[in-house]
Protein backbone atom coordinates (compact mmCIF):
# COMPACT_ATOMS: atom_id res chain seq x y z
CA MET A 1 47.80 8.47 -35.22
CA ARG A 2 47.95 12.10 -36.28
CA LYS A 3 44.75 14.20 -35.92
CA ILE A 4 42.73 14.43 -39.12
CA ASP A 5 42.91 17.72 -41.08
CA ILE A 6 41.18 17.39 -44.47
CA GLY A 7 39.37 20.73 -44.58
CA ILE A 8 36.02 19.57 -43.17
CA ASN A 9 35.17 20.80 -39.70
CA GLU A 10 34.67 18.13 -37.04
CA LYS A 11 30.93 18.68 -36.60
CA ASP A 12 30.26 18.27 -40.34
CA ARG A 13 32.70 15.35 -40.63
CA LEU A 14 30.93 13.46 -37.84
CA SER A 15 27.48 14.27 -39.28
CA ILE A 16 28.51 13.08 -42.73
CA ALA A 17 30.00 9.88 -41.27
CA GLU A 18 26.74 9.24 -39.40
CA GLY A 19 24.81 9.56 -42.66
CA LEU A 20 27.27 7.20 -44.32
CA LYS A 21 26.74 4.67 -41.52
CA HIS A 22 23.05 4.56 -42.45
CA LEU A 23 23.97 4.20 -46.12
CA LEU A 24 26.33 1.35 -45.23
CA ALA A 25 23.64 -0.35 -43.16
CA ASP A 26 20.99 -0.04 -45.88
CA SER A 27 23.43 -1.24 -48.54
CA TYR A 28 24.57 -4.21 -46.47
CA THR A 29 21.02 -5.23 -45.62
CA LEU A 30 20.08 -4.99 -49.30
CA TYR A 31 23.18 -7.05 -50.15
CA LEU A 32 22.06 -9.80 -47.76
CA GLN A 33 18.48 -9.80 -49.06
CA THR A 34 19.68 -9.94 -52.65
CA HIS A 35 22.08 -12.79 -51.92
CA ASN A 36 19.35 -14.68 -50.06
CA PHE A 37 16.96 -14.28 -52.98
CA HIS A 38 19.68 -15.33 -55.45
CA TRP A 39 20.04 -18.60 -53.55
CA ASN A 40 16.34 -19.23 -53.08
CA VAL A 41 14.50 -17.93 -56.14
CA ILE A 42 12.36 -20.47 -58.04
CA GLY A 43 9.86 -20.32 -60.87
CA PRO A 44 9.67 -19.53 -64.59
CA GLN A 45 12.05 -16.56 -64.29
CA PHE A 46 14.60 -18.54 -62.26
CA ARG A 47 17.58 -18.17 -64.58
CA GLU A 48 16.99 -14.49 -65.32
CA LEU A 49 16.45 -13.54 -61.66
CA HIS A 50 19.20 -15.81 -60.34
CA LEU A 51 21.76 -14.17 -62.64
CA MET A 52 20.41 -10.64 -62.11
CA PHE A 53 20.47 -10.99 -58.33
CA GLU A 54 24.07 -12.22 -58.55
CA GLU A 55 25.03 -9.11 -60.55
CA HIS A 56 23.31 -6.93 -57.95
CA TYR A 57 24.84 -8.50 -54.84
CA THR A 58 28.30 -8.52 -56.45
CA GLU A 59 27.99 -4.79 -57.14
CA LEU A 60 26.71 -4.19 -53.59
CA ALA A 61 29.67 -6.09 -52.09
CA VAL A 62 32.05 -3.57 -53.65
CA ALA A 63 29.78 -0.68 -52.62
CA VAL A 64 29.72 -1.60 -48.93
CA ASP A 65 33.51 -1.68 -48.89
CA ASP A 66 33.70 1.74 -50.57
CA ILE A 67 31.19 3.24 -48.12
CA ALA A 68 32.92 1.75 -45.06
CA GLU A 69 36.29 2.99 -46.27
CA ARG A 70 34.86 6.49 -46.76
CA ILE A 71 33.64 6.43 -43.16
CA ARG A 72 37.16 5.44 -42.06
CA THR A 73 38.65 8.18 -44.27
CA LEU A 74 36.57 10.63 -42.23
CA ASP A 75 38.32 9.17 -39.15
CA VAL A 76 35.20 7.50 -37.74
CA PRO A 77 34.88 3.76 -36.99
CA ALA A 78 32.65 1.96 -39.48
CA PRO A 79 29.92 -0.27 -38.04
CA GLY A 80 30.99 -3.84 -38.58
CA THR A 81 28.51 -6.15 -36.88
CA TYR A 82 25.15 -7.16 -38.21
CA LYS A 83 23.62 -6.04 -34.90
CA GLU A 84 24.92 -2.49 -35.47
CA LEU A 85 23.95 -2.52 -39.14
CA ALA A 86 20.45 -3.84 -38.41
CA GLN A 87 19.87 -1.04 -35.91
CA LEU A 88 21.00 1.60 -38.42
CA SER A 89 19.17 0.23 -41.48
CA ALA A 90 15.81 1.51 -42.69
CA ILE A 91 15.46 -1.76 -44.65
CA LYS A 92 13.94 -4.52 -42.56
CA GLU A 93 14.65 -8.23 -42.82
CA VAL A 94 12.24 -10.52 -44.60
CA ASP A 95 11.07 -13.73 -42.94
CA GLY A 96 10.94 -16.89 -45.01
CA VAL A 97 11.33 -17.18 -48.76
CA PRO A 98 8.83 -15.11 -50.74
CA GLU A 99 7.74 -15.98 -54.26
CA ALA A 100 9.82 -14.54 -57.11
CA LYS A 101 7.44 -11.63 -57.88
CA LYS A 102 7.46 -10.60 -54.21
CA MET A 103 11.28 -10.85 -54.13
CA VAL A 104 11.42 -8.35 -56.99
CA ASP A 105 9.01 -6.02 -55.15
CA ILE A 106 11.02 -6.26 -51.92
CA LEU A 107 14.30 -5.55 -53.70
CA THR A 108 12.74 -2.65 -55.62
CA ALA A 109 11.66 -1.07 -52.32
CA GLY A 110 15.14 -1.72 -50.91
CA HIS A 111 16.86 0.05 -53.78
CA GLU A 112 14.42 2.95 -53.50
CA GLN A 113 15.22 3.20 -49.78
CA VAL A 114 18.94 3.34 -50.53
CA VAL A 115 18.23 6.20 -52.95
CA LYS A 116 16.48 8.11 -50.14
CA THR A 117 19.39 7.44 -47.80
CA CYS A 118 21.81 8.65 -50.48
CA ARG A 119 19.80 11.87 -50.81
CA ASN A 120 20.32 12.51 -47.09
CA VAL A 121 24.06 11.87 -47.41
CA VAL A 122 24.24 14.20 -50.44
CA GLU A 123 22.63 16.96 -48.38
CA LEU A 124 25.03 16.42 -45.48
CA ALA A 125 28.04 16.32 -47.81
CA GLN A 126 26.96 19.52 -49.59
CA LYS A 127 26.50 21.30 -46.26
CA GLY A 128 29.94 20.17 -45.08
CA GLY A 129 31.77 20.85 -48.34
CA ASP A 130 32.73 17.17 -48.70
CA GLU A 131 33.00 16.64 -52.44
CA SER A 132 34.39 13.11 -52.08
CA THR A 133 31.38 11.87 -50.10
CA LEU A 134 29.08 13.84 -52.42
CA ALA A 135 30.52 12.01 -55.43
CA LEU A 136 30.24 8.62 -53.71
CA ALA A 137 26.62 9.18 -52.65
CA SER A 138 25.64 10.61 -56.06
CA ASP A 139 27.15 7.61 -57.84
CA ARG A 140 25.38 5.21 -55.49
CA MET A 141 22.09 7.05 -55.98
CA ARG A 142 22.34 6.77 -59.76
CA ILE A 143 23.06 3.02 -59.58
CA HIS A 144 20.16 2.33 -57.20
CA GLU A 145 17.71 4.48 -59.18
CA LYS A 146 18.55 2.54 -62.34
CA THR A 147 18.35 -0.83 -60.58
CA ALA A 148 14.98 0.04 -59.04
CA TRP A 149 13.68 1.06 -62.47
CA MET A 150 14.83 -2.25 -64.01
CA LEU A 151 13.25 -4.24 -61.17
CA ARG A 152 9.97 -2.29 -61.46
CA ALA A 153 9.92 -3.10 -65.19
CA LEU A 154 10.06 -6.85 -64.43
CA ASN A 155 6.71 -6.82 -62.65
CA GLY A 156 5.11 -4.33 -65.01
């Protein structure tokens, strides 16, 4: 394959890709938690939460693909095993099946963590002059900020 030449120096390109790997890992971990909670939620808010969690994990499934493809566009291998993703993620797994209110709190914290990870990627992308990654991370940040707000509103 021909050597990459997209106007971003190698050091910045590799740094940006590393930040994106963390964003991918956080997003994938949040996807798995959300899907787990979708399957296992019970209680008076079952229908509302079940459907909301489905919307969230469906959106996250598209997001992880977009993030991984951006990493590949920067000519860096994307992490593809859960072992790699778990090591890179700032979001930790949850044992057992928490009650619905706790699920909402856990997912709120997860979305807030993704926002923080996006902020790091934005900084790296700005430094490296990578407008495409900047746009991706900014869009992701906006989505996760809004989702966290909506989840916070559920538990008052």
